[in-house]
């Protein structure tokens, strides 16, 4: 088994080993992975954060040792927060690299993130990824992504899908969520009514076949923030999401979950 880490701003993760294949997720700076299969131009990986499997371009792979992978998996990693884009400096060649909201700073200490012989300097805001934060801050973090365009498989302020949005907002609040909406719906406490929900709870929506295909984060006064075309705020009731622009229901409510 081989192991790797993302040392770019982000790496697109694809369904199949081809540039034309759909992007199903993204790795952000500092996130590590296992290499499950190698081909001439592609590697099939399993992300350490959410166990999501996909293919990434071999040219974007940076390998680390098993010892480094285990150390990073056990350590308290620190994502950057508050700034949509921050910058780290590679101490080896003094180049600057933009990193996105929700990225991870591996082996963080004394203003530096280190992996093997790589060292990145960073002077932005940090916090403990494994320390659960106040639920009100979860809502504040959700607003950081407001107006971010919808991109299938996206996990950044420059393009994000509905479950990537909920996953990253919860990551910034110290709570791990699976990658896809239907997986996220399997955890937490189920609530019976919208009226029981608190800001920060998750609402899930299904299609005509009964499959959960959408997720959003509830706000006060029967509003919801979710990624649909862009990260936007709409009304929600017992039927589902009422799009304030089209003046029609866009998603049918299936269930509400409390995670924090």
C-alpha atoms as a PDB file:
ATOM      1  CA  UNK A   1       0.000   0.000   0.000  1.00  0.00           C
ATOM      2  CA  UNK A   2       1.198   3.506  -0.880  1.00  0.00           C
ATOM      3  CA  UNK A   3       0.096   6.815   0.609  1.00  0.00           C
ATOM      4  CA  UNK A   4      -0.113  10.423  -0.516  1.00  0.00           C
ATOM      5  CA  UNK A   5      -1.011  13.976   0.444  1.00  0.00           C
ATOM      6  CA  UNK A   6      -2.441  16.936  -1.451  1.00  0.00           C
ATOM      7  CA  UNK A   7       0.147  19.724  -1.698  1.00  0.00           C
ATOM      8  CA  UNK A   8      -1.798  21.734  -4.302  1.00  0.00           C
ATOM      9  CA  UNK A   9      -4.665  24.152  -3.691  1.00  0.00           C
ATOM     10  CA  UNK A  10      -6.995  21.340  -4.725  1.00  0.00           C
ATOM     11  CA  UNK A  11      -6.973  18.136  -6.771  1.00  0.00           C
ATOM     12  CA  UNK A  12     -10.008  17.065  -8.836  1.00  0.00           C
ATOM     13  CA  UNK A  13     -11.199  13.538  -8.050  1.00  0.00           C
ATOM     14  CA  UNK A  14     -12.834  11.706 -10.950  1.00  0.00           C
ATOM     15  CA  UNK A  15     -15.252   8.808 -11.320  1.00  0.00           C
ATOM     16  CA  UNK A  16     -13.077   7.067 -13.924  1.00  0.00           C
ATOM     17  CA  UNK A  17      -9.370   7.329 -14.869  1.00  0.00           C
ATOM     18  CA  UNK A  18      -9.843   9.902 -17.623  1.00  0.00           C
ATOM     19  CA  UNK A  19      -9.744  13.697 -17.912  1.00  0.00           C
ATOM     20  CA  UNK A  20     -13.186  13.603 -19.528  1.00  0.00           C
ATOM     21  CA  UNK A  21     -14.696  11.666 -16.612  1.00  0.00           C
ATOM     22  CA  UNK A  22     -16.979  13.584 -14.259  1.00  0.00           C
ATOM     23  CA  UNK A  23     -15.480  15.131 -11.150  1.00  0.00           C
ATOM     24  CA  UNK A  24     -17.059  13.522  -8.084  1.00  0.00           C
ATOM     25  CA  UNK A  25     -15.061  15.243  -5.340  1.00  0.00           C
ATOM     26  CA  UNK A  26     -11.935  17.262  -4.616  1.00  0.00           C
ATOM     27  CA  UNK A  27      -8.959  16.986  -2.295  1.00  0.00           C
ATOM     28  CA  UNK A  28      -7.997  20.202  -0.523  1.00  0.00           C
ATOM     29  CA  UNK A  29      -4.497  21.186   0.563  1.00  0.00           C
ATOM     30  CA  UNK A  30      -3.168  18.978   3.366  1.00  0.00           C
ATOM     31  CA  UNK A  31      -5.669  16.128   2.976  1.00  0.00           C
ATOM     32  CA  UNK A  32      -4.049  12.712   2.710  1.00  0.00           C
ATOM     33  CA  UNK A  33      -5.101   9.484   1.016  1.00  0.00           C
ATOM     34  CA  UNK A  34      -4.302   5.831   0.397  1.00  0.00           C
ATOM     35  CA  UNK A  35      -3.318   4.741  -3.111  1.00  0.00           C
ATOM     36  CA  UNK A  36      -5.433   1.692  -3.944  1.00  0.00           C
ATOM     37  CA  UNK A  37      -4.475   1.166  -7.590  1.00  0.00           C
ATOM     38  CA  UNK A  38      -1.891   2.595  -9.971  1.00  0.00           C
ATOM     39  CA  UNK A  39      -2.019   3.012 -13.721  1.00  0.00           C
ATOM     40  CA  UNK A  40       0.292   4.782 -16.143  1.00  0.00           C
ATOM     41  CA  UNK A  41      -1.460   8.147 -15.806  1.00  0.00           C
ATOM     42  CA  UNK A  42      -3.912   7.675 -12.923  1.00  0.00           C
ATOM     43  CA  UNK A  43      -4.157   6.508  -9.323  1.00  0.00           C
ATOM     44  CA  UNK A  44      -7.269   5.269  -7.563  1.00  0.00           C
ATOM     45  CA  UNK A  45      -7.307   6.649  -4.039  1.00  0.00           C
ATOM     46  CA  UNK A  46      -9.295   6.558  -0.808  1.00  0.00           C
ATOM     47  CA  UNK A  47      -9.392   9.900   1.002  1.00  0.00           C
ATOM     48  CA  UNK A  48      -8.454   9.660   4.664  1.00  0.00           C
ATOM     49  CA  UNK A  49     -10.984  12.280   5.737  1.00  0.00           C
ATOM     50  CA  UNK A  50     -14.189  10.680   4.444  1.00  0.00           C
ATOM     51  CA  UNK A  51     -13.053   7.336   2.893  1.00  0.00           C
ATOM     52  CA  UNK A  52     -14.278   8.512  -0.507  1.00  0.00           C
ATOM     53  CA  UNK A  53     -12.775   6.599  -3.443  1.00  0.00           C
ATOM     54  CA  UNK A  54     -11.927   8.188  -6.781  1.00  0.00           C
ATOM     55  CA  UNK A  55      -9.236   8.622  -9.426  1.00  0.00           C
ATOM     56  CA  UNK A  56      -6.653  11.431  -9.465  1.00  0.00           C
ATOM     57  CA  UNK A  57      -4.029  12.395 -12.036  1.00  0.00           C
ATOM     58  CA  UNK A  58      -0.731  10.670 -11.298  1.00  0.00           C
ATOM     59  CA  UNK A  59       1.141  13.928 -11.963  1.00  0.00           C
ATOM     60  CA  UNK A  60      -0.600  15.453  -8.938  1.00  0.00           C
ATOM     61  CA  UNK A  61       0.342  12.649  -6.541  1.00  0.00           C
ATOM     62  CA  UNK A  62       2.844  13.408  -3.769  1.00  0.00           C
ATOM     63  CA  UNK A  63       3.728  10.240  -1.879  1.00  0.00           C
ATOM     64  CA  UNK A  64       4.359  10.061   1.849  1.00  0.00           C
ATOM     65  CA  UNK A  65       5.467   7.178   4.027  1.00  0.00           C
ATOM     66  CA  UNK A  66       3.184   4.863   5.977  1.00  0.00           C
ATOM     67  CA  UNK A  67       4.570   6.396   9.155  1.00  0.00           C
ATOM     68  CA  UNK A  68       3.715   9.910   7.966  1.00  0.00           C
ATOM     69  CA  UNK A  69       0.221   8.832   6.946  1.00  0.00           C
ATOM     70  CA  UNK A  70      -0.443   7.213  10.330  1.00  0.00           C
ATOM     71  CA  UNK A  71       0.972  10.232  12.138  1.00  0.00           C
ATOM     72  CA  UNK A  72      -1.226  12.636  10.194  1.00  0.00           C
ATOM     73  CA  UNK A  73      -4.281  10.435  10.744  1.00  0.00           C
ATOM     74  CA  UNK A  74      -3.782  10.552  14.505  1.00  0.00           C
ATOM     75  CA  UNK A  75      -2.651  14.152  14.879  1.00  0.00           C
ATOM     76  CA  UNK A  76      -4.941  17.113  15.453  1.00  0.00           C
ATOM     77  CA  UNK A  77      -4.877  18.847  12.115  1.00  0.00           C
ATOM     78  CA  UNK A  78      -5.784  22.503  11.838  1.00  0.00           C
ATOM     79  CA  UNK A  79      -7.817  23.832   8.883  1.00  0.00           C
ATOM     80  CA  UNK A  80      -7.567  27.447   7.865  1.00  0.00           C
ATOM     81  CA  UNK A  81     -10.766  29.367   8.487  1.00  0.00           C
ATOM     82  CA  UNK A  82     -12.513  32.724   7.985  1.00  0.00           C
ATOM     83  CA  UNK A  83     -10.529  33.652   4.859  1.00  0.00           C
ATOM     84  CA  UNK A  84     -11.891  32.186   1.615  1.00  0.00           C
ATOM     85  CA  UNK A  85      -8.347  32.067   0.275  1.00  0.00           C
ATOM     86  CA  UNK A  86      -5.156  32.140   2.312  1.00  0.00           C
ATOM     87  CA  UNK A  87      -1.530  31.742   1.251  1.00  0.00           C
ATOM     88  CA  UNK A  88       1.230  29.428   2.414  1.00  0.00           C
ATOM     89  CA  UNK A  89       4.887  29.828   1.471  1.00  0.00           C
ATOM     90  CA  UNK A  90       6.948  26.807   0.499  1.00  0.00           C
ATOM     91  CA  UNK A  91      10.079  27.256   2.587  1.00  0.00           C
ATOM     92  CA  UNK A  92      12.105  25.132   0.156  1.00  0.00           C
ATOM     93  CA  UNK A  93      11.793  27.391  -2.884  1.00  0.00           C
ATOM     94  CA  UNK A  94       9.962  30.425  -1.403  1.00  0.00           C
ATOM     95  CA  UNK A  95       7.006  30.007  -3.779  1.00  0.00           C
ATOM     96  CA  UNK A  96       3.528  31.052  -2.650  1.00  0.00           C
ATOM     97  CA  UNK A  97       0.526  28.728  -2.818  1.00  0.00           C
ATOM     98  CA  UNK A  98      -3.114  29.796  -2.346  1.00  0.00           C
ATOM     99  CA  UNK A  99      -5.061  27.453  -0.067  1.00  0.00           C
ATOM    100  CA  UNK A 100      -8.826  27.402   0.235  1.00  0.00           C
ATOM    101  CA  UNK A 101     -11.263  27.622   3.124  1.00  0.00           C
ATOM    102  CA  UNK A 102     -11.425  24.193   4.782  1.00  0.00           C
ATOM    103  CA  UNK A 103      -7.878  23.134   3.894  1.00  0.00           C
ATOM    104  CA  UNK A 104      -5.752  21.236   6.417  1.00  0.00           C
ATOM    105  CA  UNK A 105      -2.374  22.243   7.841  1.00  0.00           C
ATOM    106  CA  UNK A 106      -0.485  18.997   8.541  1.00  0.00           C
ATOM    107  CA  UNK A 107       1.806  18.755  11.585  1.00  0.00           C
ATOM    108  CA  UNK A 108       1.017  22.349  12.470  1.00  0.00           C
ATOM    109  CA  UNK A 109       3.465  23.960  14.917  1.00  0.00           C
ATOM    110  CA  UNK A 110       5.062  27.381  15.319  1.00  0.00           C
ATOM    111  CA  UNK A 111       3.573  28.834  12.163  1.00  0.00           C
ATOM    112  CA  UNK A 112       4.634  25.959   9.936  1.00  0.00           C
ATOM    113  CA  UNK A 113       2.995  22.903   8.360  1.00  0.00           C
ATOM    114  CA  UNK A 114       5.414  20.077   7.593  1.00  0.00           C
ATOM    115  CA  UNK A 115       5.342  16.790   5.688  1.00  0.00           C
ATOM    116  CA  UNK A 116       8.628  14.910   5.208  1.00  0.00           C
ATOM    117  CA  UNK A 117      11.001  17.453   3.608  1.00  0.00           C
ATOM    118  CA  UNK A 118       8.180  19.842   2.681  1.00  0.00           C
ATOM    119  CA  UNK A 119       7.599  22.885   4.889  1.00  0.00           C
ATOM    120  CA  UNK A 120       4.885  25.509   4.426  1.00  0.00           C
ATOM    121  CA  UNK A 121       4.763  28.746   6.402  1.00  0.00           C
ATOM    122  CA  UNK A 122       1.339  30.166   7.304  1.00  0.00           C
ATOM    123  CA  UNK A 123       0.325  33.139   9.466  1.00  0.00           C
ATOM    124  CA  UNK A 124      -3.475  33.052   9.100  1.00  0.00           C
ATOM    125  CA  UNK A 125      -6.222  32.000  11.487  1.00  0.00           C
ATOM    126  CA  UNK A 126      -6.221  28.393  12.690  1.00  0.00           C
ATOM    127  CA  UNK A 127      -8.160  26.146  15.050  1.00  0.00           C
ATOM    128  CA  UNK A 128      -8.208  22.555  16.232  1.00  0.00           C
ATOM    129  CA  UNK A 129     -10.013  20.390  13.656  1.00  0.00           C
ATOM    130  CA  UNK A 130     -10.923  17.767  16.237  1.00  0.00           C
ATOM    131  CA  UNK A 131     -12.412  20.187  18.768  1.00  0.00           C
ATOM    132  CA  UNK A 132     -16.155  20.627  18.304  1.00  0.00           C
ATOM    133  CA  UNK A 133     -17.077  24.306  18.271  1.00  0.00           C
ATOM    134  CA  UNK A 134     -20.199  26.206  19.256  1.00  0.00           C
ATOM    135  CA  UNK A 135     -23.184  25.488  17.013  1.00  0.00           C
ATOM    136  CA  UNK A 136     -23.723  29.188  16.333  1.00  0.00           C
ATOM    137  CA  UNK A 137     -20.293  29.303  14.683  1.00  0.00           C
ATOM    138  CA  UNK A 138     -21.454  26.560  12.321  1.00  0.00           C
ATOM    139  CA  UNK A 139     -24.051  28.927  10.891  1.00  0.00           C
ATOM    140  CA  UNK A 140     -21.466  31.713  10.656  1.00  0.00           C
ATOM    141  CA  UNK A 141     -19.170  29.399   8.704  1.00  0.00           C
ATOM    142  CA  UNK A 142     -22.011  28.461   6.357  1.00  0.00           C
ATOM    143  CA  UNK A 143     -22.380  32.123   5.392  1.00  0.00           C
ATOM    144  CA  UNK A 144     -18.734  32.192   4.298  1.00  0.00           C
ATOM    145  CA  UNK A 145     -19.771  30.103   1.274  1.00  0.00           C
ATOM    146  CA  UNK A 146     -22.772  32.273   0.350  1.00  0.00           C
ATOM    147  CA  UNK A 147     -22.952  32.881  -3.428  1.00  0.00           C
ATOM    148  CA  UNK A 148     -20.344  30.183  -4.160  1.00  0.00           C
ATOM    149  CA  UNK A 149     -21.305  28.656  -7.544  1.00  0.00           C
ATOM    150  CA  UNK A 150     -22.666  25.118  -7.635  1.00  0.00           C
ATOM    151  CA  UNK A 151     -20.171  22.620  -9.096  1.00  0.00           C
ATOM    152  CA  UNK A 152     -20.837  18.882  -9.057  1.00  0.00           C
ATOM    153  CA  UNK A 153     -18.125  17.319  -6.889  1.00  0.00           C
ATOM    154  CA  UNK A 154     -16.852  20.698  -5.680  1.00  0.00           C
ATOM    155  CA  UNK A 155     -15.543  21.375  -2.175  1.00  0.00           C
ATOM    156  CA  UNK A 156     -14.330  24.969  -2.383  1.00  0.00           C
ATOM    157  CA  UNK A 157     -15.692  28.543  -2.266  1.00  0.00           C
ATOM    158  CA  UNK A 158     -15.111  28.697  -6.030  1.00  0.00           C
ATOM    159  CA  UNK A 159     -17.377  25.733  -6.726  1.00  0.00           C
ATOM    160  CA  UNK A 160     -19.209  23.418  -4.353  1.00  0.00           C
ATOM    161  CA  UNK A 161     -22.045  20.890  -4.359  1.00  0.00           C
ATOM    162  CA  UNK A 162     -24.723  20.461  -1.705  1.00  0.00           C
ATOM    163  CA  UNK A 163     -23.058  17.701   0.316  1.00  0.00           C
ATOM    164  CA  UNK A 164     -19.595  19.212  -0.118  1.00  0.00           C
ATOM    165  CA  UNK A 165     -21.046  22.397   1.363  1.00  0.00           C
ATOM    166  CA  UNK A 166     -22.479  20.672   4.445  1.00  0.00           C
ATOM    167  CA  UNK A 167     -19.338  18.552   4.855  1.00  0.00           C
ATOM    168  CA  UNK A 168     -16.951  21.536   4.770  1.00  0.00           C
ATOM    169  CA  UNK A 169     -19.104  23.710   7.038  1.00  0.00           C
ATOM    170  CA  UNK A 170     -19.190  20.916   9.597  1.00  0.00           C
ATOM    171  CA  UNK A 171     -15.447  20.326   9.155  1.00  0.00           C
ATOM    172  CA  UNK A 172     -14.836  23.945  10.107  1.00  0.00           C
ATOM    173  CA  UNK A 173     -16.932  23.263  13.213  1.00  0.00           C
ATOM    174  CA  UNK A 174     -14.925  20.198  14.250  1.00  0.00           C
ATOM    175  CA  UNK A 175     -17.325  17.486  13.072  1.00  0.00           C
ATOM    176  CA  UNK A 176     -16.691  14.937  10.327  1.00  0.00           C
ATOM    177  CA  UNK A 177     -19.435  14.153   7.829  1.00  0.00           C
ATOM    178  CA  UNK A 178     -19.385  11.580   5.004  1.00  0.00           C
ATOM    179  CA  UNK A 179     -19.075  12.892   1.444  1.00  0.00           C
ATOM    180  CA  UNK A 180     -22.531  12.288  -0.086  1.00  0.00           C
ATOM    181  CA  UNK A 181     -25.966  13.476   1.067  1.00  0.00           C
ATOM    182  CA  UNK A 182     -27.443   9.977   1.433  1.00  0.00           C
ATOM    183  CA  UNK A 183     -24.466   8.990   3.611  1.00  0.00           C
ATOM    184  CA  UNK A 184     -24.835  12.081   5.785  1.00  0.00           C
ATOM    185  CA  UNK A 185     -28.518  11.228   6.280  1.00  0.00           C
ATOM    186  CA  UNK A 186     -27.532   7.980   8.015  1.00  0.00           C
ATOM    187  CA  UNK A 187     -25.991   9.706  11.039  1.00  0.00           C
ATOM    188  CA  UNK A 188     -27.346  11.927  13.810  1.00  0.00           C
ATOM    189  CA  UNK A 189     -30.707  12.243  15.561  1.00  0.00           C
ATOM    190  CA  UNK A 190     -33.850  12.326  13.433  1.00  0.00           C
ATOM    191  CA  UNK A 191     -36.283  15.150  14.184  1.00  0.00           C
ATOM    192  CA  UNK A 192     -40.016  14.863  13.556  1.00  0.00           C
ATOM    193  CA  UNK A 193     -40.880  18.400  12.492  1.00  0.00           C
ATOM    194  CA  UNK A 194     -39.247  21.472  10.993  1.00  0.00           C
ATOM    195  CA  UNK A 195     -40.429  23.366  14.065  1.00  0.00           C
ATOM    196  CA  UNK A 196     -38.167  21.188  16.272  1.00  0.00           C
ATOM    197  CA  UNK A 197     -35.048  22.085  14.320  1.00  0.00           C
ATOM    198  CA  UNK A 198     -32.298  24.436  15.438  1.00  0.00           C
ATOM    199  CA  UNK A 199     -30.015  26.557  13.259  1.00  0.00           C
ATOM    200  CA  UNK A 200     -27.241  24.258  12.069  1.00  0.00           C
ATOM    201  CA  UNK A 201     -29.351  21.107  11.780  1.00  0.00           C
ATOM    202  CA  UNK A 202     -29.354  19.339   8.409  1.00  0.00           C
ATOM    203  CA  UNK A 203     -32.389  18.895   6.163  1.00  0.00           C
ATOM    204  CA  UNK A 204     -32.417  16.157   3.508  1.00  0.00           C
ATOM    205  CA  UNK A 205     -34.488  15.948   0.356  1.00  0.00           C
ATOM    206  CA  UNK A 206     -35.357  13.081  -1.987  1.00  0.00           C
ATOM    207  CA  UNK A 207     -36.298  12.595  -5.626  1.00  0.00           C
ATOM    208  CA  UNK A 208     -39.332  10.915  -7.171  1.00  0.00           C
ATOM    209  CA  UNK A 209     -37.724   7.515  -6.558  1.00  0.00           C
ATOM    210  CA  UNK A 210     -37.272   8.191  -2.850  1.00  0.00           C
ATOM    211  CA  UNK A 211     -33.466   8.545  -3.045  1.00  0.00           C
ATOM    212  CA  UNK A 212     -31.893  11.312  -0.983  1.00  0.00           C
ATOM    213  CA  UNK A 213     -30.231  13.675  -3.431  1.00  0.00           C
ATOM    214  CA  UNK A 214     -29.934  17.007  -1.625  1.00  0.00           C
ATOM    215  CA  UNK A 215     -28.941  18.442   1.750  1.00  0.00           C
ATOM    216  CA  UNK A 216     -28.969  21.913   3.292  1.00  0.00           C
ATOM    217  CA  UNK A 217     -28.270  23.639   6.602  1.00  0.00           C
ATOM    218  CA  UNK A 218     -31.219  25.074   8.509  1.00  0.00           C
ATOM    219  CA  UNK A 219     -31.253  28.673   9.695  1.00  0.00           C
ATOM    220  CA  UNK A 220     -33.585  30.629  11.970  1.00  0.00           C
ATOM    221  CA  UNK A 221     -37.200  31.445  11.137  1.00  0.00           C
ATOM    222  CA  UNK A 222     -37.727  28.624   8.616  1.00  0.00           C
ATOM    223  CA  UNK A 223     -34.890  29.528   6.269  1.00  0.00           C
ATOM    224  CA  UNK A 224     -32.284  27.192   4.793  1.00  0.00           C
ATOM    225  CA  UNK A 225     -28.857  27.748   3.230  1.00  0.00           C
ATOM    226  CA  UNK A 226     -27.931  25.229   0.551  1.00  0.00           C
ATOM    227  CA  UNK A 227     -26.065  24.783  -2.742  1.00  0.00           C
ATOM    228  CA  UNK A 228     -28.484  24.857  -5.668  1.00  0.00           C
ATOM    229  CA  UNK A 229     -27.159  26.802  -8.641  1.00  0.00           C
ATOM    230  CA  UNK A 230     -25.174  28.667  -6.015  1.00  0.00           C
ATOM    231  CA  UNK A 231     -25.047  28.678  -2.240  1.00  0.00           C
ATOM    232  CA  UNK A 232     -28.279  30.525  -1.493  1.00  0.00           C
ATOM    233  CA  UNK A 233     -30.902  31.116   1.174  1.00  0.00           C
ATOM    234  CA  UNK A 234     -34.508  30.000   0.664  1.00  0.00           C
ATOM    235  CA  UNK A 235     -37.623  29.356   2.713  1.00  0.00           C
ATOM    236  CA  UNK A 236     -38.385  25.858   4.022  1.00  0.00           C
ATOM    237  CA  UNK A 237     -41.556  24.258   5.404  1.00  0.00           C
ATOM    238  CA  UNK A 238     -42.929  20.740   5.892  1.00  0.00           C
ATOM    239  CA  UNK A 239     -43.165  20.281   2.109  1.00  0.00           C
ATOM    240  CA  UNK A 240     -39.637  21.290   1.259  1.00  0.00           C
ATOM    241  CA  UNK A 241     -37.596  24.192  -0.084  1.00  0.00           C
ATOM    242  CA  UNK A 242     -39.525  27.124  -1.551  1.00  0.00           C
ATOM    243  CA  UNK A 243     -37.326  28.943  -4.061  1.00  0.00           C
ATOM    244  CA  UNK A 244     -37.844  32.661  -3.547  1.00  0.00           C
ATOM    245  CA  UNK A 245     -36.782  33.463  -7.125  1.00  0.00           C
ATOM    246  CA  UNK A 246     -38.972  30.992  -9.028  1.00  0.00           C
ATOM    247  CA  UNK A 247     -41.747  31.115  -6.406  1.00  0.00           C
ATOM    248  CA  UNK A 248     -42.058  27.348  -6.479  1.00  0.00           C
ATOM    249  CA  UNK A 249     -40.882  24.325  -4.497  1.00  0.00           C
ATOM    250  CA  UNK A 250     -37.507  23.057  -5.704  1.00  0.00           C
ATOM    251  CA  UNK A 251     -36.842  20.156  -3.303  1.00  0.00           C
ATOM    252  CA  UNK A 252     -39.148  17.772  -1.407  1.00  0.00           C
ATOM    253  CA  UNK A 253     -38.337  17.370   2.297  1.00  0.00           C
ATOM    254  CA  UNK A 254     -37.482  13.832   3.440  1.00  0.00           C
ATOM    255  CA  UNK A 255     -36.041  14.193   6.951  1.00  0.00           C
ATOM    256  CA  UNK A 256     -34.188  16.471   9.361  1.00  0.00           C
ATOM    257  CA  UNK A 257     -31.126  15.418  11.340  1.00  0.00           C
ATOM    258  CA  UNK A 258     -29.316  16.931  14.323  1.00  0.00           C
ATOM    259  CA  UNK A 259     -25.585  16.215  14.172  1.00  0.00           C
ATOM    260  CA  UNK A 260     -24.247  18.757  16.702  1.00  0.00           C
END
